[in-house]
PDB file of N, CA and C in Angstrom:
ATOM      1  N   MET A   1     -27.856  -6.915 -14.424  1.00  0.00           N
ATOM      2  CA  MET A   1     -26.636  -6.205 -14.688  1.00  0.00           C
ATOM      3  C   MET A   1     -25.863  -6.080 -13.376  1.00  0.00           C
ATOM      4  N   ALA A   2     -24.548  -6.269 -13.433  1.00  0.00           N
ATOM      5  CA  ALA A   2     -23.697  -6.149 -12.251  1.00  0.00           C
ATOM      6  C   ALA A   2     -23.627  -4.696 -11.795  1.00  0.00           C
ATOM      7  N   ARG A   3     -23.535  -4.527 -10.500  1.00  0.00           N
ATOM      8  CA  ARG A   3     -23.397  -3.189  -9.937  1.00  0.00           C
ATOM      9  C   ARG A   3     -21.933  -2.763 -10.038  1.00  0.00           C
ATOM     10  N   LEU A   4     -21.702  -1.550 -10.517  1.00  0.00           N
ATOM     11  CA  LEU A   4     -20.345  -1.047 -10.666  1.00  0.00           C
ATOM     12  C   LEU A   4     -19.913  -0.315  -9.401  1.00  0.00           C
ATOM     13  N   THR A   5     -18.666  -0.481  -9.031  1.00  0.00           N
ATOM     14  CA  THR A   5     -18.095   0.211  -7.881  1.00  0.00           C
ATOM     15  C   THR A   5     -17.004   1.142  -8.370  1.00  0.00           C
ATOM     16  N   PRO A   6     -17.116   2.438  -8.090  1.00  0.00           N
ATOM     17  CA  PRO A   6     -16.071   3.368  -8.499  1.00  0.00           C
ATOM     18  C   PRO A   6     -14.749   3.012  -7.827  1.00  0.00           C
ATOM     19  N   THR A   7     -13.684   3.064  -8.596  1.00  0.00           N
ATOM     20  CA  THR A   7     -12.356   2.727  -8.105  1.00  0.00           C
ATOM     21  C   THR A   7     -11.342   3.687  -8.692  1.00  0.00           C
ATOM     22  N   CYS A   8     -10.337   4.033  -7.913  1.00  0.00           N
ATOM     23  CA  CYS A   8      -9.207   4.830  -8.400  1.00  0.00           C
ATOM     24  C   CYS A   8      -7.955   3.980  -8.283  1.00  0.00           C
ATOM     25  N   VAL A   9      -7.047   4.125  -9.232  1.00  0.00           N
ATOM     26  CA  VAL A   9      -5.813   3.350  -9.234  1.00  0.00           C
ATOM     27  C   VAL A   9      -4.640   4.268  -9.541  1.00  0.00           C
ATOM     28  N   TRP A  10      -3.546   4.086  -8.793  1.00  0.00           N
ATOM     29  CA  TRP A  10      -2.298   4.807  -9.049  1.00  0.00           C
ATOM     30  C   TRP A  10      -1.191   3.787  -9.243  1.00  0.00           C
ATOM     31  N   ARG A  11      -0.302   4.036 -10.210  1.00  0.00           N
ATOM     32  CA  ARG A  11       0.880   3.184 -10.370  1.00  0.00           C
ATOM     33  C   ARG A  11       1.823   3.445  -9.200  1.00  0.00           C
ATOM     34  N   ILE A  12       2.530   2.405  -8.795  1.00  0.00           N
ATOM     35  CA  ILE A  12       3.417   2.541  -7.646  1.00  0.00           C
ATOM     36  C   ILE A  12       4.621   3.416  -7.983  1.00  0.00           C
ATOM     37  N   SER A  13       5.038   4.182  -7.006  1.00  0.00           N
ATOM     38  CA  SER A  13       6.240   5.009  -7.108  1.00  0.00           C
ATOM     39  C   SER A  13       6.670   5.335  -5.682  1.00  0.00           C
ATOM     40  N   PRO A  14       7.915   5.733  -5.494  1.00  0.00           N
ATOM     41  CA  PRO A  14       8.310   6.162  -4.154  1.00  0.00           C
ATOM     42  C   PRO A  14       7.419   7.292  -3.635  1.00  0.00           C
ATOM     43  N   ALA A  15       6.993   8.189  -4.514  1.00  0.00           N
ATOM     44  CA  ALA A  15       6.128   9.300  -4.097  1.00  0.00           C
ATOM     45  C   ALA A  15       4.793   8.792  -3.549  1.00  0.00           C
ATOM     46  N   VAL A  16       4.234   7.749  -4.137  1.00  0.00           N
ATOM     47  CA  VAL A  16       2.973   7.180  -3.641  1.00  0.00           C
ATOM     48  C   VAL A  16       3.188   6.574  -2.252  1.00  0.00           C
ATOM     49  N   VAL A  17       4.273   5.833  -2.077  1.00  0.00           N
ATOM     50  CA  VAL A  17       4.573   5.229  -0.773  1.00  0.00           C
ATOM     51  C   VAL A  17       4.755   6.312   0.287  1.00  0.00           C
ATOM     52  N   LEU A  18       5.504   7.352  -0.042  1.00  0.00           N
ATOM     53  CA  LEU A  18       5.736   8.436   0.917  1.00  0.00           C
ATOM     54  C   LEU A  18       4.450   9.200   1.235  1.00  0.00           C
ATOM     55  N   ALA A  19       3.596   9.403   0.240  1.00  0.00           N
ATOM     56  CA  ALA A  19       2.318  10.082   0.480  1.00  0.00           C
ATOM     57  C   ALA A  19       1.433   9.248   1.406  1.00  0.00           C
ATOM     58  N   LEU A  20       1.404   7.935   1.208  1.00  0.00           N
ATOM     59  CA  LEU A  20       0.627   7.067   2.098  1.00  0.00           C
ATOM     60  C   LEU A  20       1.146   7.159   3.529  1.00  0.00           C
ATOM     61  N   GLN A  21       2.457   7.079   3.683  1.00  0.00           N
ATOM     62  CA  GLN A  21       3.037   7.152   5.028  1.00  0.00           C
ATOM     63  C   GLN A  21       2.738   8.499   5.677  1.00  0.00           C
ATOM     64  N   ASP A  22       2.863   9.563   4.909  1.00  0.00           N
ATOM     65  CA  ASP A  22       2.642  10.909   5.435  1.00  0.00           C
ATOM     66  C   ASP A  22       1.189  11.139   5.836  1.00  0.00           C
ATOM     67  N   ARG A  23       0.259  10.676   5.022  1.00  0.00           N
ATOM     68  CA  ARG A  23      -1.157  10.963   5.252  1.00  0.00           C
ATOM     69  C   ARG A  23      -1.868   9.926   6.119  1.00  0.00           C
ATOM     70  N   PHE A  24      -1.496   8.650   5.959  1.00  0.00           N
ATOM     71  CA  PHE A  24      -2.230   7.576   6.632  1.00  0.00           C
ATOM     72  C   PHE A  24      -1.416   6.851   7.699  1.00  0.00           C
ATOM     73  N   GLY A  25      -0.092   6.946   7.655  1.00  0.00           N
ATOM     74  CA  GLY A  25       0.742   6.189   8.590  1.00  0.00           C
ATOM     75  C   GLY A  25       0.874   4.739   8.147  1.00  0.00           C
ATOM     76  N   ASP A  26       1.212   3.890   9.089  1.00  0.00           N
ATOM     77  CA  ASP A  26       1.389   2.476   8.762  1.00  0.00           C
ATOM     78  C   ASP A  26       0.041   1.829   8.440  1.00  0.00           C
ATOM     79  N   PRO A  27       0.051   0.785   7.617  1.00  0.00           N
ATOM     80  CA  PRO A  27      -1.199   0.097   7.263  1.00  0.00           C
ATOM     81  C   PRO A  27      -1.890  -0.490   8.495  1.00  0.00           C
ATOM     82  N   VAL A  28      -3.216  -0.598   8.412  1.00  0.00           N
ATOM     83  CA  VAL A  28      -3.964  -1.249   9.489  1.00  0.00           C
ATOM     84  C   VAL A  28      -3.908  -2.760   9.351  1.00  0.00           C
ATOM     85  N   ASP A  29      -3.557  -3.238   8.157  1.00  0.00           N
ATOM     86  CA  ASP A  29      -3.436  -4.670   7.923  1.00  0.00           C
ATOM     87  C   ASP A  29      -2.404  -4.913   6.841  1.00  0.00           C
ATOM     88  N   ALA A  30      -1.689  -6.011   6.977  1.00  0.00           N
ATOM     89  CA  ALA A  30      -0.698  -6.426   5.987  1.00  0.00           C
ATOM     90  C   ALA A  30      -0.858  -7.930   5.804  1.00  0.00           C
ATOM     91  N   TYR A  31      -0.784  -8.377   4.574  1.00  0.00           N
ATOM     92  CA  TYR A  31      -1.027  -9.781   4.265  1.00  0.00           C
ATOM     93  C   TYR A  31       0.243 -10.451   3.758  1.00  0.00           C
ATOM     94  N   VAL A  32       0.331 -11.763   3.952  1.00  0.00           N
ATOM     95  CA  VAL A  32       1.517 -12.502   3.518  1.00  0.00           C
ATOM     96  C   VAL A  32       1.703 -12.464   2.006  1.00  0.00           C
ATOM     97  N   ASN A  33       0.644 -12.125   1.263  1.00  0.00           N
ATOM     98  CA  ASN A  33       0.777 -12.011  -0.194  1.00  0.00           C
ATOM     99  C   ASN A  33       1.363 -10.664  -0.603  1.00  0.00           C
ATOM    100  N   GLY A  34       1.657  -9.781   0.382  1.00  0.00           N
ATOM    101  CA  GLY A  34       2.253  -8.481   0.097  1.00  0.00           C
ATOM    102  C   GLY A  34       1.291  -7.313   0.124  1.00  0.00           C
ATOM    103  N   SER A  35      -0.006  -7.579   0.144  1.00  0.00           N
ATOM    104  CA  SER A  35      -0.984  -6.486   0.193  1.00  0.00           C
ATOM    105  C   SER A  35      -0.827  -5.687   1.481  1.00  0.00           C
ATOM    106  N   GLN A  36      -1.014  -4.383   1.373  1.00  0.00           N
ATOM    107  CA  GLN A  36      -0.980  -3.473   2.514  1.00  0.00           C
ATOM    108  C   GLN A  36      -2.291  -2.693   2.477  1.00  0.00           C
ATOM    109  N   VAL A  37      -2.982  -2.571   3.612  1.00  0.00           N
ATOM    110  CA  VAL A  37      -4.345  -2.027   3.608  1.00  0.00           C
ATOM    111  C   VAL A  37      -4.523  -0.937   4.666  1.00  0.00           C
ATOM    112  N   TRP A  38      -5.228   0.114   4.262  1.00  0.00           N
ATOM    113  CA  TRP A  38      -5.682   1.181   5.159  1.00  0.00           C
ATOM    114  C   TRP A  38      -7.189   1.293   4.986  1.00  0.00           C
ATOM    115  N   LEU A  39      -7.922   1.411   6.073  1.00  0.00           N
ATOM    116  CA  LEU A  39      -9.360   1.688   6.040  1.00  0.00           C
ATOM    117  C   LEU A  39      -9.548   3.082   6.616  1.00  0.00           C
ATOM    118  N   ARG A  40     -10.189   3.944   5.846  1.00  0.00           N
ATOM    119  CA  ARG A  40     -10.363   5.339   6.257  1.00  0.00           C
ATOM    120  C   ARG A  40     -11.846   5.678   6.252  1.00  0.00           C
ATOM    121  N   ASP A  41     -12.327   6.220   7.368  1.00  0.00           N
ATOM    122  CA  ASP A  41     -13.745   6.587   7.459  1.00  0.00           C
ATOM    123  C   ASP A  41     -13.935   8.095   7.348  1.00  0.00           C
ATOM    124  N   ASP A  42     -13.034   8.756   6.638  1.00  0.00           N
ATOM    125  CA  ASP A  42     -13.112  10.210   6.502  1.00  0.00           C
ATOM    126  C   ASP A  42     -13.571  10.651   5.112  1.00  0.00           C
ATOM    127  N   GLY A  43     -14.283   9.768   4.421  1.00  0.00           N
ATOM    128  CA  GLY A  43     -14.829  10.122   3.117  1.00  0.00           C
ATOM    129  C   GLY A  43     -16.100  10.941   3.263  1.00  0.00           C
ATOM    130  N   PRO A  44     -16.669  11.363   2.148  1.00  0.00           N
ATOM    131  CA  PRO A  44     -17.924  12.123   2.193  1.00  0.00           C
ATOM    132  C   PRO A  44     -19.008  11.313   2.912  1.00  0.00           C
ATOM    133  N   ASP A  45     -19.795  11.985   3.723  1.00  0.00           N
ATOM    134  CA  ASP A  45     -20.874  11.334   4.480  1.00  0.00           C
ATOM    135  C   ASP A  45     -20.362  10.154   5.306  1.00  0.00           C
ATOM    136  N   GLU A  46     -19.118  10.262   5.794  1.00  0.00           N
ATOM    137  CA  GLU A  46     -18.473   9.233   6.608  1.00  0.00           C
ATOM    138  C   GLU A  46     -18.337   7.897   5.880  1.00  0.00           C
ATOM    139  N   LEU A  47     -18.315   7.942   4.560  1.00  0.00           N
ATOM    140  CA  LEU A  47     -18.106   6.738   3.759  1.00  0.00           C
ATOM    141  C   LEU A  47     -16.717   6.187   4.044  1.00  0.00           C
ATOM    142  N   VAL A  48     -16.620   4.876   4.230  1.00  0.00           N
ATOM    143  CA  VAL A  48     -15.335   4.221   4.485  1.00  0.00           C
ATOM    144  C   VAL A  48     -14.720   3.823   3.146  1.00  0.00           C
ATOM    145  N   PHE A  49     -13.441   4.179   2.992  1.00  0.00           N
ATOM    146  CA  PHE A  49     -12.693   3.792   1.800  1.00  0.00           C
ATOM    147  C   PHE A  49     -11.584   2.831   2.192  1.00  0.00           C
ATOM    148  N   GLU A  50     -11.384   1.823   1.355  1.00  0.00           N
ATOM    149  CA  GLU A  50     -10.249   0.925   1.517  1.00  0.00           C
ATOM    150  C   GLU A  50      -9.177   1.334   0.523  1.00  0.00           C
ATOM    151  N   TRP A  51      -7.990   1.552   1.039  1.00  0.00           N
ATOM    152  CA  TRP A  51      -6.812   1.863   0.235  1.00  0.00           C
ATOM    153  C   TRP A  51      -5.926   0.633   0.296  1.00  0.00           C
ATOM    154  N   ARG A  52      -5.537   0.085  -0.852  1.00  0.00           N
ATOM    155  CA  ARG A  52      -4.794  -1.175  -0.865  1.00  0.00           C
ATOM    156  C   ARG A  52      -3.630  -1.109  -1.845  1.00  0.00           C
ATOM    157  N   LEU A  53      -2.431  -1.391  -1.326  1.00  0.00           N
ATOM    158  CA  LEU A  53      -1.278  -1.585  -2.203  1.00  0.00           C
ATOM    159  C   LEU A  53      -1.325  -3.022  -2.688  1.00  0.00           C
ATOM    160  N   HIS A  54      -1.292  -3.191  -4.002  1.00  0.00           N
ATOM    161  CA  HIS A  54      -1.352  -4.529  -4.587  1.00  0.00           C
ATOM    162  C   HIS A  54       0.053  -5.043  -4.868  1.00  0.00           C
ATOM    163  N   PRO A  55       0.354  -6.275  -4.429  1.00  0.00           N
ATOM    164  CA  PRO A  55       1.670  -6.844  -4.684  1.00  0.00           C
ATOM    165  C   PRO A  55       1.835  -7.233  -6.153  1.00  0.00           C
ATOM    166  N   VAL A  56       3.087  -7.348  -6.555  1.00  0.00           N
ATOM    167  CA  VAL A  56       3.389  -7.799  -7.914  1.00  0.00           C
ATOM    168  C   VAL A  56       3.088  -9.290  -8.019  1.00  0.00           C
ATOM    169  N   ALA A  57       2.894  -9.765  -9.235  1.00  0.00           N
ATOM    170  CA  ALA A  57       2.725 -11.199  -9.462  1.00  0.00           C
ATOM    171  C   ALA A  57       4.014 -11.898  -9.032  1.00  0.00           C
ATOM    172  N   GLY A  58       3.882 -12.997  -8.354  1.00  0.00           N
ATOM    173  CA  GLY A  58       5.053 -13.733  -7.897  1.00  0.00           C
ATOM    174  C   GLY A  58       5.761 -13.090  -6.715  1.00  0.00           C
ATOM    175  N   TYR A  59       5.052 -12.228  -5.992  1.00  0.00           N
ATOM    176  CA  TYR A  59       5.629 -11.530  -4.840  1.00  0.00           C
ATOM    177  C   TYR A  59       6.278 -12.512  -3.872  1.00  0.00           C
ATOM    178  N   GLU A  60       7.464 -12.143  -3.398  1.00  0.00           N
ATOM    179  CA  GLU A  60       8.132 -12.874  -2.326  1.00  0.00           C
ATOM    180  C   GLU A  60       8.572 -11.868  -1.277  1.00  0.00           C
ATOM    181  N   ARG A  61       8.217 -12.130  -0.036  1.00  0.00           N
ATOM    182  CA  ARG A  61       8.603 -11.228   1.048  1.00  0.00           C
ATOM    183  C   ARG A  61      10.121 -11.187   1.148  1.00  0.00           C
ATOM    184  N   PRO A  62      10.684  -9.986   1.254  1.00  0.00           N
ATOM    185  CA  PRO A  62      12.140  -9.881   1.401  1.00  0.00           C
ATOM    186  C   PRO A  62      12.609 -10.603   2.667  1.00  0.00           C
ATOM    187  N   LYS A  63      13.714 -11.296   2.554  1.00  0.00           N
ATOM    188  CA  LYS A  63      14.261 -12.022   3.701  1.00  0.00           C
ATOM    189  C   LYS A  63      14.597 -11.048   4.833  1.00  0.00           C
ATOM    190  N   GLY A  64      14.292 -11.460   6.046  1.00  0.00           N
ATOM    191  CA  GLY A  64      14.629 -10.662   7.212  1.00  0.00           C
ATOM    192  C   GLY A  64      13.666  -9.532   7.522  1.00  0.00           C
ATOM    193  N   VAL A  65      12.561  -9.444   6.776  1.00  0.00           N
ATOM    194  CA  VAL A  65      11.575  -8.383   7.000  1.00  0.00           C
ATOM    195  C   VAL A  65      10.219  -9.039   7.267  1.00  0.00           C
ATOM    196  N   ALA A  66       9.639  -8.744   8.414  1.00  0.00           N
ATOM    197  CA  ALA A  66       8.325  -9.294   8.748  1.00  0.00           C
ATOM    198  C   ALA A  66       7.252  -8.657   7.868  1.00  0.00           C
ATOM    199  N   THR A  67       6.204  -9.409   7.604  1.00  0.00           N
ATOM    200  CA  THR A  67       5.098  -8.928   6.766  1.00  0.00           C
ATOM    201  C   THR A  67       4.588  -7.577   7.244  1.00  0.00           C
ATOM    202  N   GLU A  68       4.394  -7.443   8.563  1.00  0.00           N
ATOM    203  CA  GLU A  68       3.823  -6.202   9.096  1.00  0.00           C
ATOM    204  C   GLU A  68       4.828  -5.056   9.185  1.00  0.00           C
ATOM    205  N   GLU A  69       6.095  -5.306   8.895  1.00  0.00           N
ATOM    206  CA  GLU A  69       7.124  -4.259   8.904  1.00  0.00           C
ATOM    207  C   GLU A  69       7.469  -3.737   7.516  1.00  0.00           C
ATOM    208  N   LEU A  70       7.060  -4.453   6.493  1.00  0.00           N
ATOM    209  CA  LEU A  70       7.532  -4.163   5.142  1.00  0.00           C
ATOM    210  C   LEU A  70       7.235  -2.735   4.695  1.00  0.00           C
ATOM    211  N   PHE A  71       5.994  -2.301   4.835  1.00  0.00           N
ATOM    212  CA  PHE A  71       5.651  -0.965   4.348  1.00  0.00           C
ATOM    213  C   PHE A  71       6.446   0.111   5.073  1.00  0.00           C
ATOM    214  N   SER A  72       6.493   0.052   6.398  1.00  0.00           N
ATOM    215  CA  SER A  72       7.191   1.105   7.146  1.00  0.00           C
ATOM    216  C   SER A  72       8.678   1.119   6.835  1.00  0.00           C
ATOM    217  N   LYS A  73       9.285  -0.044   6.639  1.00  0.00           N
ATOM    218  CA  LYS A  73      10.708  -0.093   6.284  1.00  0.00           C
ATOM    219  C   LYS A  73      10.940   0.477   4.886  1.00  0.00           C
ATOM    220  N   ALA A  74      10.054   0.169   3.955  1.00  0.00           N
ATOM    221  CA  ALA A  74      10.186   0.712   2.599  1.00  0.00           C
ATOM    222  C   ALA A  74       9.998   2.224   2.613  1.00  0.00           C
ATOM    223  N   ALA A  75       8.988   2.710   3.314  1.00  0.00           N
ATOM    224  CA  ALA A  75       8.732   4.157   3.372  1.00  0.00           C
ATOM    225  C   ALA A  75       9.909   4.895   4.002  1.00  0.00           C
ATOM    226  N   LEU A  76      10.452   4.354   5.081  1.00  0.00           N
ATOM    227  CA  LEU A  76      11.605   4.983   5.726  1.00  0.00           C
ATOM    228  C   LEU A  76      12.799   5.024   4.777  1.00  0.00           C
ATOM    229  N   ALA A  77      13.015   3.952   4.046  1.00  0.00           N
ATOM    230  CA  ALA A  77      14.125   3.917   3.087  1.00  0.00           C
ATOM    231  C   ALA A  77      13.964   4.992   2.018  1.00  0.00           C
ATOM    232  N   PHE A  78      12.764   5.153   1.488  1.00  0.00           N
ATOM    233  CA  PHE A  78      12.543   6.178   0.457  1.00  0.00           C
ATOM    234  C   PHE A  78      12.692   7.579   1.036  1.00  0.00           C
ATOM    235  N   ALA A  79      12.277   7.773   2.274  1.00  0.00           N
ATOM    236  CA  ALA A  79      12.354   9.094   2.907  1.00  0.00           C
ATOM    237  C   ALA A  79      13.789   9.498   3.232  1.00  0.00           C
ATOM    238  N   THR A  80      14.648   8.510   3.458  1.00  0.00           N
ATOM    239  CA  THR A  80      16.022   8.796   3.877  1.00  0.00           C
ATOM    240  C   THR A  80      17.058   8.457   2.812  1.00  0.00           C
ATOM    241  N   ASP A  81      16.593   8.113   1.624  1.00  0.00           N
ATOM    242  CA  ASP A  81      17.493   7.725   0.521  1.00  0.00           C
ATOM    243  C   ASP A  81      18.391   6.548   0.887  1.00  0.00           C
ATOM    244  N   GLU A  82      17.863   5.653   1.698  1.00  0.00           N
ATOM    245  CA  GLU A  82      18.573   4.422   2.051  1.00  0.00           C
ATOM    246  C   GLU A  82      18.082   3.299   1.143  1.00  0.00           C
ATOM    247  N   ALA A  83      18.727   2.153   1.230  1.00  0.00           N
ATOM    248  CA  ALA A  83      18.311   0.992   0.441  1.00  0.00           C
ATOM    249  C   ALA A  83      17.010   0.428   1.016  1.00  0.00           C
ATOM    250  N   ALA A  84      16.044   0.211   0.151  1.00  0.00           N
ATOM    251  CA  ALA A  84      14.772  -0.396   0.558  1.00  0.00           C
ATOM    252  C   ALA A  84      14.981  -1.897   0.773  1.00  0.00           C
ATOM    253  N   PRO A  85      14.062  -2.558   1.473  1.00  0.00           N
ATOM    254  CA  PRO A  85      14.186  -4.002   1.692  1.00  0.00           C
ATOM    255  C   PRO A  85      14.248  -4.800   0.387  1.00  0.00           C
ATOM    256  N   ALA A  86      13.688  -4.233  -0.678  1.00  0.00           N
ATOM    257  CA  ALA A  86      13.705  -4.831  -2.018  1.00  0.00           C
ATOM    258  C   ALA A  86      13.376  -3.712  -2.998  1.00  0.00           C
ATOM    259  N   PRO A  87      13.712  -3.888  -4.276  1.00  0.00           N
ATOM    260  CA  PRO A  87      13.296  -2.871  -5.252  1.00  0.00           C
ATOM    261  C   PRO A  87      11.773  -2.714  -5.236  1.00  0.00           C
ATOM    262  N   LEU A  88      11.321  -1.495  -5.371  1.00  0.00           N
ATOM    263  CA  LEU A  88       9.887  -1.212  -5.326  1.00  0.00           C
ATOM    264  C   LEU A  88       9.116  -2.052  -6.335  1.00  0.00           C
ATOM    265  N   THR A  89       9.692  -2.256  -7.514  1.00  0.00           N
ATOM    266  CA  THR A  89       9.016  -3.036  -8.562  1.00  0.00           C
ATOM    267  C   THR A  89       8.933  -4.523  -8.221  1.00  0.00           C
ATOM    268  N   ASP A  90       9.625  -4.961  -7.160  1.00  0.00           N
ATOM    269  CA  ASP A  90       9.510  -6.342  -6.686  1.00  0.00           C
ATOM    270  C   ASP A  90       8.472  -6.472  -5.572  1.00  0.00           C
ATOM    271  N   LEU A  91       7.933  -5.340  -5.135  1.00  0.00           N
ATOM    272  CA  LEU A  91       6.997  -5.353  -4.010  1.00  0.00           C
ATOM    273  C   LEU A  91       5.555  -5.126  -4.442  1.00  0.00           C
ATOM    274  N   TRP A  92       5.278  -3.947  -4.992  1.00  0.00           N
ATOM    275  CA  TRP A  92       3.899  -3.575  -5.296  1.00  0.00           C
ATOM    276  C   TRP A  92       3.767  -3.050  -6.714  1.00  0.00           C
ATOM    277  N   GLU A  93       2.570  -3.256  -7.288  1.00  0.00           N
ATOM    278  CA  GLU A  93       2.267  -2.736  -8.627  1.00  0.00           C
ATOM    279  C   GLU A  93       1.601  -1.375  -8.567  1.00  0.00           C
ATOM    280  N   GLY A  94       0.698  -1.208  -7.608  1.00  0.00           N
ATOM    281  CA  GLY A  94      -0.033   0.042  -7.554  1.00  0.00           C
ATOM    282  C   GLY A  94      -0.939   0.122  -6.346  1.00  0.00           C
ATOM    283  N   LEU A  95      -1.580   1.265  -6.238  1.00  0.00           N
ATOM    284  CA  LEU A  95      -2.497   1.567  -5.143  1.00  0.00           C
ATOM    285  C   LEU A  95      -3.905   1.665  -5.696  1.00  0.00           C
ATOM    286  N   GLU A  96      -4.831   1.003  -5.018  1.00  0.00           N
ATOM    287  CA  GLU A  96      -6.243   1.052  -5.397  1.00  0.00           C
ATOM    288  C   GLU A  96      -7.031   1.622  -4.225  1.00  0.00           C
ATOM    289  N   CYS A  97      -8.055   2.393  -4.539  1.00  0.00           N
ATOM    290  CA  CYS A  97      -8.956   2.929  -3.523  1.00  0.00           C
ATOM    291  C   CYS A  97     -10.387   2.676  -3.972  1.00  0.00           C
ATOM    292  N   PHE A  98     -11.212   2.165  -3.051  1.00  0.00           N
ATOM    293  CA  PHE A  98     -12.607   1.885  -3.385  1.00  0.00           C
ATOM    294  C   PHE A  98     -13.454   1.940  -2.118  1.00  0.00           C
ATOM    295  N   PRO A  99     -14.760   2.172  -2.252  1.00  0.00           N
ATOM    296  CA  PRO A  99     -15.639   2.166  -1.083  1.00  0.00           C
ATOM    297  C   PRO A  99     -15.633   0.786  -0.434  1.00  0.00           C
ATOM    298  N   ALA A 100     -15.471   0.767   0.875  1.00  0.00           N
ATOM    299  CA  ALA A 100     -15.404  -0.522   1.584  1.00  0.00           C
ATOM    300  C   ALA A 100     -16.797  -0.978   1.993  1.00  0.00           C
TER     301      ALA A 100
END
């Protein structure tokens, strides 16, 4: 039988992006496929959790925005009511958290 790994998932929203920026800051890693990743070792018993924003199917990086700048530019836009680099629904589907 396969071993199950507990996972939590949240649908993407400006509130989720702002909460990530407020609590975790910029991602520790960003991928060309649009994924944004934070590794946190502040879980129970120092368990490391991976927090990952999952890109939408067919993700395309917005023109003029570097892969490693995308999250911070989007978060700043939501915090200041400015235009984001792209509509949120064109960037990420949701946030997943699981033991790393």
